[in-house]
Amino acid sequence: MLGTIWINAGMGLLAFVITFCTALASNVWLVSLERAGIAFVIFFLAAFPVRFVLGLVTQPAGSSVIEGPKPSSAPLAEGEAETKTEQAVEKAADEAFSPLSFTKLETVPPTENPATVAEVVRRLTDE
């Protein structure tokens, strides 16, 4: 996200002041204060997605949003690099996609006869 929480507070405060001043011209001060408070909350919360989108837009093309672990600065020997590569390939093969297998569900036969249930419902609706 771009910026800090103060950007949210600033947007909310700006909305509060503008709403309060414009509503005060035609309303009682308490109604104006209530509407300005609502505007503050709405604009404060609306600033979160705005900051997120601006952070995505202004981010350089090569970097990612989620940063992974930083590589170590110590150079690896050639054998160590091959071993780490082999381990990564084995780990990826172990985590390969496998579809879910569902067990077959058993159908449970009804305990009451449907004709009997229908007859009981007809009798109860007639009474």
C-alpha atoms as a PDB file:
ATOM      1  CA  MET A   1       0.000   0.000   0.000  1.00  0.00           C
ATOM      2  CA  LEU A   2       1.113   3.465  -0.768  1.00  0.00           C
ATOM      3  CA  GLY A   3       1.539   5.915   2.102  1.00  0.00           C
ATOM      4  CA  THR A   4       0.416   5.685   5.714  1.00  0.00           C
ATOM      5  CA  ILE A   5      -2.771   5.887   7.749  1.00  0.00           C
ATOM      6  CA  TRP A   6      -2.371   9.664   7.795  1.00  0.00           C
ATOM      7  CA  ILE A   7      -3.472   9.743   4.159  1.00  0.00           C
ATOM      8  CA  ASN A   8      -6.727   8.082   5.205  1.00  0.00           C
ATOM      9  CA  ALA A   9      -7.158  10.540   8.062  1.00  0.00           C
ATOM     10  CA  GLY A  10      -6.423  13.477   5.761  1.00  0.00           C
ATOM     11  CA  MET A  11      -8.980  12.355   3.188  1.00  0.00           C
ATOM     12  CA  GLY A  12     -11.539  11.814   5.935  1.00  0.00           C
ATOM     13  CA  LEU A  13     -10.841  15.193   7.515  1.00  0.00           C
ATOM     14  CA  LEU A  14     -11.107  16.961   4.158  1.00  0.00           C
ATOM     15  CA  ALA A  15     -14.471  15.274   3.520  1.00  0.00           C
ATOM     16  CA  PHE A  16     -15.567  16.191   7.059  1.00  0.00           C
ATOM     17  CA  VAL A  17     -14.765  19.883   6.632  1.00  0.00           C
ATOM     18  CA  ILE A  18     -16.318  20.183   3.161  1.00  0.00           C
ATOM     19  CA  THR A  19     -19.474  18.310   4.172  1.00  0.00           C
ATOM     20  CA  PHE A  20     -19.840  20.241   7.415  1.00  0.00           C
ATOM     21  CA  CYS A  21     -19.465  23.631   5.726  1.00  0.00           C
ATOM     22  CA  THR A  22     -21.876  22.846   2.897  1.00  0.00           C
ATOM     23  CA  ALA A  23     -24.460  21.175   5.150  1.00  0.00           C
ATOM     24  CA  LEU A  24     -24.305  23.971   7.720  1.00  0.00           C
ATOM     25  CA  ALA A  25     -25.687  26.414   5.163  1.00  0.00           C
ATOM     26  CA  SER A  26     -29.061  24.644   5.033  1.00  0.00           C
ATOM     27  CA  ASN A  27     -29.261  22.450   8.171  1.00  0.00           C
ATOM     28  CA  VAL A  28     -29.048  22.632  11.947  1.00  0.00           C
ATOM     29  CA  TRP A  29     -25.484  22.295  13.253  1.00  0.00           C
ATOM     30  CA  LEU A  30     -26.183  18.879  14.824  1.00  0.00           C
ATOM     31  CA  VAL A  31     -27.446  17.427  11.529  1.00  0.00           C
ATOM     32  CA  SER A  32     -24.457  18.955   9.750  1.00  0.00           C
ATOM     33  CA  LEU A  33     -22.115  17.421  12.309  1.00  0.00           C
ATOM     34  CA  GLU A  34     -23.735  14.005  11.897  1.00  0.00           C
ATOM     35  CA  ARG A  35     -23.460  14.116   8.114  1.00  0.00           C
ATOM     36  CA  ALA A  36     -19.864  15.296   8.306  1.00  0.00           C
ATOM     37  CA  GLY A  37     -19.032  12.389  10.639  1.00  0.00           C
ATOM     38  CA  ILE A  38     -20.573   9.929   8.202  1.00  0.00           C
ATOM     39  CA  ALA A  39     -18.569  11.494   5.360  1.00  0.00           C
ATOM     40  CA  PHE A  40     -15.378  11.182   7.434  1.00  0.00           C
ATOM     41  CA  VAL A  41     -15.954   7.454   8.029  1.00  0.00           C
ATOM     42  CA  ILE A  42     -16.833   6.758   4.386  1.00  0.00           C
ATOM     43  CA  PHE A  43     -13.830   8.614   2.977  1.00  0.00           C
ATOM     44  CA  PHE A  44     -11.490   7.187   5.627  1.00  0.00           C
ATOM     45  CA  LEU A  45     -12.488   3.645   4.627  1.00  0.00           C
ATOM     46  CA  ALA A  46     -12.533   4.449   0.897  1.00  0.00           C
ATOM     47  CA  ALA A  47      -8.912   5.596   1.121  1.00  0.00           C
ATOM     48  CA  PHE A  48      -7.719   2.016   1.764  1.00  0.00           C
ATOM     49  CA  PRO A  49      -8.584   0.642  -1.699  1.00  0.00           C
ATOM     50  CA  VAL A  50      -7.402   3.894  -3.302  1.00  0.00           C
ATOM     51  CA  ARG A  51      -4.004   3.554  -1.604  1.00  0.00           C
ATOM     52  CA  PHE A  52      -3.803  -0.112  -2.601  1.00  0.00           C
ATOM     53  CA  VAL A  53      -4.547   0.585  -6.275  1.00  0.00           C
ATOM     54  CA  LEU A  54      -2.128   3.516  -6.365  1.00  0.00           C
ATOM     55  CA  GLY A  55       0.529   1.245  -4.843  1.00  0.00           C
ATOM     56  CA  LEU A  56      -0.050  -1.309  -7.599  1.00  0.00           C
ATOM     57  CA  VAL A  57       0.012   1.319 -10.361  1.00  0.00           C
ATOM     58  CA  THR A  58       3.152   3.086  -9.155  1.00  0.00           C
ATOM     59  CA  GLN A  59       5.039  -0.143  -8.452  1.00  0.00           C
ATOM     60  CA  PRO A  60       7.908  -0.891 -10.865  1.00  0.00           C
ATOM     61  CA  ALA A  61       7.117  -3.569 -13.457  1.00  0.00           C
ATOM     62  CA  GLY A  62       9.822  -6.046 -12.369  1.00  0.00           C
ATOM     63  CA  SER A  63       8.979  -6.234  -8.674  1.00  0.00           C
ATOM     64  CA  SER A  64       6.210  -8.272  -7.113  1.00  0.00           C
ATOM     65  CA  VAL A  65       3.699  -7.341  -4.438  1.00  0.00           C
ATOM     66  CA  ILE A  66       4.662 -10.247  -2.193  1.00  0.00           C
ATOM     67  CA  GLU A  67       8.347 -10.404  -1.506  1.00  0.00           C
ATOM     68  CA  GLY A  68       9.961 -13.756  -0.965  1.00  0.00           C
ATOM     69  CA  PRO A  69      13.016 -14.547   1.103  1.00  0.00           C
ATOM     70  CA  LYS A  70      16.132 -12.620   0.150  1.00  0.00           C
ATOM     71  CA  PRO A  71      18.968 -14.650  -1.368  1.00  0.00           C
ATOM     72  CA  SER A  72      22.104 -14.904   0.726  1.00  0.00           C
ATOM     73  CA  SER A  73      25.084 -12.823  -0.258  1.00  0.00           C
ATOM     74  CA  ALA A  74      27.579 -15.678   0.186  1.00  0.00           C
ATOM     75  CA  PRO A  75      28.479 -17.368  -3.116  1.00  0.00           C
ATOM     76  CA  LEU A  76      27.639 -21.054  -3.365  1.00  0.00           C
ATOM     77  CA  ALA A  77      30.001 -23.691  -4.596  1.00  0.00           C
ATOM     78  CA  GLU A  78      28.992 -25.371  -7.855  1.00  0.00           C
ATOM     79  CA  GLY A  79      28.062 -28.650  -6.119  1.00  0.00           C
ATOM     80  CA  GLU A  80      25.918 -26.870  -3.526  1.00  0.00           C
ATOM     81  CA  ALA A  81      23.998 -25.014  -6.232  1.00  0.00           C
ATOM     82  CA  GLU A  82      23.234 -28.265  -8.073  1.00  0.00           C
ATOM     83  CA  THR A  83      22.111 -29.948  -4.844  1.00  0.00           C
ATOM     84  CA  LYS A  84      19.788 -27.070  -4.004  1.00  0.00           C
ATOM     85  CA  THR A  85      18.361 -27.164  -7.543  1.00  0.00           C
ATOM     86  CA  GLU A  86      17.739 -30.916  -7.303  1.00  0.00           C
ATOM     87  CA  GLN A  87      16.037 -30.472  -3.935  1.00  0.00           C
ATOM     88  CA  ALA A  88      13.820 -27.738  -5.362  1.00  0.00           C
ATOM     89  CA  VAL A  89      12.804 -29.975  -8.288  1.00  0.00           C
ATOM     90  CA  GLU A  90      12.002 -32.875  -5.937  1.00  0.00           C
ATOM     91  CA  LYS A  91       9.971 -30.585  -3.695  1.00  0.00           C
ATOM     92  CA  ALA A  92       8.019 -29.260  -6.675  1.00  0.00           C
ATOM     93  CA  ALA A  93       7.328 -32.821  -7.857  1.00  0.00           C
ATOM     94  CA  ASP A  94       6.046 -33.760  -4.388  1.00  0.00           C
ATOM     95  CA  GLU A  95       3.724 -30.754  -4.358  1.00  0.00           C
ATOM     96  CA  ALA A  96       2.361 -31.476  -7.830  1.00  0.00           C
ATOM     97  CA  PHE A  97      -1.344 -31.118  -8.439  1.00  0.00           C
ATOM     98  CA  SER A  98      -3.507 -34.082  -7.606  1.00  0.00           C
ATOM     99  CA  PRO A  99      -7.294 -33.895  -8.000  1.00  0.00           C
ATOM    100  CA  LEU A 100      -9.561 -34.635  -5.089  1.00  0.00           C
ATOM    101  CA  SER A 101     -11.137 -38.054  -4.986  1.00  0.00           C
ATOM    102  CA  PHE A 102     -14.619 -38.236  -3.532  1.00  0.00           C
ATOM    103  CA  THR A 103     -16.048 -41.364  -2.005  1.00  0.00           C
ATOM    104  CA  LYS A 104     -19.408 -42.514  -3.276  1.00  0.00           C
ATOM    105  CA  LEU A 105     -22.256 -41.387  -1.062  1.00  0.00           C
ATOM    106  CA  GLU A 106     -24.805 -43.911   0.090  1.00  0.00           C
ATOM    107  CA  THR A 107     -28.476 -43.168  -0.386  1.00  0.00           C
ATOM    108  CA  VAL A 108     -30.575 -43.621   2.709  1.00  0.00           C
ATOM    109  CA  PRO A 109     -34.052 -44.972   2.027  1.00  0.00           C
ATOM    110  CA  PRO A 110     -36.868 -43.012   3.689  1.00  0.00           C
ATOM    111  CA  THR A 111     -38.163 -44.534   6.924  1.00  0.00           C
ATOM    112  CA  GLU A 112     -41.778 -43.510   6.278  1.00  0.00           C
ATOM    113  CA  ASN A 113     -43.884 -44.326   3.265  1.00  0.00           C
ATOM    114  CA  PRO A 114     -44.372 -41.157   1.162  1.00  0.00           C
ATOM    115  CA  ALA A 115     -48.063 -41.999   0.649  1.00  0.00           C
ATOM    116  CA  THR A 116     -48.589 -42.114   4.415  1.00  0.00           C
ATOM    117  CA  VAL A 117     -46.836 -38.790   4.913  1.00  0.00           C
ATOM    118  CA  ALA A 118     -48.975 -37.188   2.195  1.00  0.00           C
ATOM    119  CA  GLU A 119     -52.151 -38.517   3.830  1.00  0.00           C
ATOM    120  CA  VAL A 120     -51.125 -37.092   7.223  1.00  0.00           C
ATOM    121  CA  VAL A 121     -50.415 -33.686   5.684  1.00  0.00           C
ATOM    122  CA  ARG A 122     -53.827 -33.704   3.956  1.00  0.00           C
ATOM    123  CA  ARG A 123     -55.588 -34.501   7.225  1.00  0.00           C
ATOM    124  CA  LEU A 124     -53.738 -31.734   9.097  1.00  0.00           C
ATOM    125  CA  THR A 125     -54.539 -29.122   6.452  1.00  0.00           C
ATOM    126  CA  ASP A 126     -58.247 -30.020   6.524  1.00  0.00           C
ATOM    127  CA  GLU A 127     -58.562 -29.448  10.268  1.00  0.00           C
END
